[in-house]
Protein backbone atom coordinates (compact mmCIF):
# COMPACT_ATOMS: atom_id res chain seq x y z
CA UNK A 1 47.39 -98.87 -20.98
CA UNK A 2 44.21 -100.47 -22.14
CA UNK A 3 42.57 -99.64 -26.11
CA UNK A 4 38.38 -99.90 -26.33
CA UNK A 5 37.50 -101.62 -29.53
CA UNK A 6 36.08 -99.02 -31.38
CA UNK A 7 32.47 -97.96 -31.63
CA UNK A 8 30.75 -98.47 -33.86
CA UNK A 9 32.68 -100.57 -35.73
CA UNK A 10 31.75 -100.98 -38.95
CA UNK A 11 31.23 -97.31 -39.22
CA UNK A 12 29.76 -94.70 -41.22
CA UNK A 13 30.78 -91.45 -40.87
CA UNK A 14 32.45 -91.43 -37.32
CA UNK A 15 33.66 -94.20 -34.59
CA UNK A 16 35.12 -93.10 -32.01
CA UNK A 17 38.30 -94.86 -30.44
CA UNK A 18 38.20 -95.23 -26.70
CA UNK A 19 41.80 -95.75 -24.45
CA UNK A 20 42.40 -95.45 -20.75
CA UNK A 21 46.06 -93.89 -19.59
CA UNK A 22 47.57 -94.92 -16.61
CA UNK A 23 49.42 -91.98 -16.00
CA UNK A 24 50.79 -89.19 -17.70
CA UNK A 25 52.46 -89.42 -21.42
CA UNK A 26 52.95 -88.52 -24.92
CA UNK A 27 50.13 -90.46 -27.22
CA UNK A 28 50.14 -91.11 -30.76
CA UNK A 29 47.50 -92.35 -32.50
CA UNK A 30 47.61 -93.46 -35.95
CA UNK A 31 45.05 -94.42 -39.27
CA UNK A 32 47.04 -97.05 -41.36
CA UNK A 33 45.19 -98.62 -44.68
CA UNK A 34 45.91 -101.93 -44.99
CA UNK A 35 48.98 -101.92 -47.00
CA UNK A 36 50.68 -100.09 -43.66
CA UNK A 37 50.58 -96.26 -45.13
CA UNK A 38 49.78 -92.92 -43.21
CA UNK A 39 45.81 -92.21 -43.87
CA UNK A 40 45.60 -90.08 -40.01
CA UNK A 41 47.80 -89.23 -37.34
CA UNK A 42 44.60 -88.60 -35.16
CA UNK A 43 46.74 -87.57 -32.19
CA UNK A 44 50.96 -87.04 -31.18
CA UNK A 45 51.40 -85.67 -28.06
CA UNK A 46 51.27 -85.07 -24.09
CA UNK A 47 48.22 -86.00 -22.90
CA UNK A 48 46.58 -86.56 -18.89
CA UNK A 49 46.64 -89.77 -17.55
CA UNK A 50 42.45 -90.63 -17.59
CA UNK A 51 40.01 -92.33 -19.79
CA UNK A 52 40.10 -90.61 -23.22
CA UNK A 53 38.51 -91.05 -26.59
CA UNK A 54 38.85 -89.18 -30.25
CA UNK A 55 36.42 -89.44 -33.00
CA UNK A 56 37.88 -90.44 -36.70
CA UNK A 57 35.50 -89.28 -39.53
CA UNK A 58 36.72 -91.11 -41.67
CA UNK A 59 39.06 -88.46 -43.62
CA UNK A 60 42.67 -88.78 -43.85
CA UNK A 61 45.28 -85.53 -43.03
CA UNK A 62 44.93 -83.37 -45.88
CA UNK A 63 40.56 -83.76 -45.12
CA UNK A 64 39.66 -85.14 -47.69
CA UNK A 65 37.12 -88.36 -47.29
CA UNK A 66 38.98 -92.25 -47.33
CA UNK A 67 37.70 -94.75 -49.12
CA UNK A 68 35.59 -97.13 -48.06
CA UNK A 69 36.87 -100.63 -46.31
CA UNK A 70 39.37 -101.80 -43.30
CA UNK A 71 42.04 -99.81 -41.67
CA UNK A 72 44.25 -100.48 -38.64
CA UNK A 73 44.21 -97.82 -35.71
CA UNK A 74 47.42 -97.50 -33.42
CA UNK A 75 48.30 -95.99 -30.44
CA UNK A 76 50.94 -95.93 -29.26
CA UNK A 77 52.91 -94.53 -25.26
CA UNK A 78 56.09 -95.57 -23.22
CA UNK A 79 56.33 -98.86 -24.05
CA UNK A 80 52.64 -99.69 -24.79
CA UNK A 81 52.06 -100.01 -27.61
CA UNK A 82 48.54 -101.85 -29.59
CA UNK A 83 46.91 -102.08 -32.94
CA UNK A 84 43.61 -102.28 -33.88
CA UNK A 85 40.80 -103.11 -37.05
CA UNK A 86 37.99 -100.59 -38.06
CA UNK A 87 35.72 -100.96 -41.50
CA UNK A 88 34.98 -97.89 -42.43
CA UNK A 89 31.05 -98.40 -44.48
CA UNK A 90 29.75 -96.20 -47.90
């Protein structure tokens, strides 16, 4: 699996997370604040192999806008897990 850098980064109001899934599998993509708290779960389900992208519009799981600042996003599928940093500017 390959997790590409988010674009744009820094961003406002939307960033795109891209990844390449080499085979079908369960995928979890989660946004965390710098304290490790879950801000938003973008994906949590089975996906077919291929190049994928998903947008984050700087909102939390209940649809409220989040504060400006740094966030972490993690993608997990099978034994693969990777985390990268993104920055929301306001």
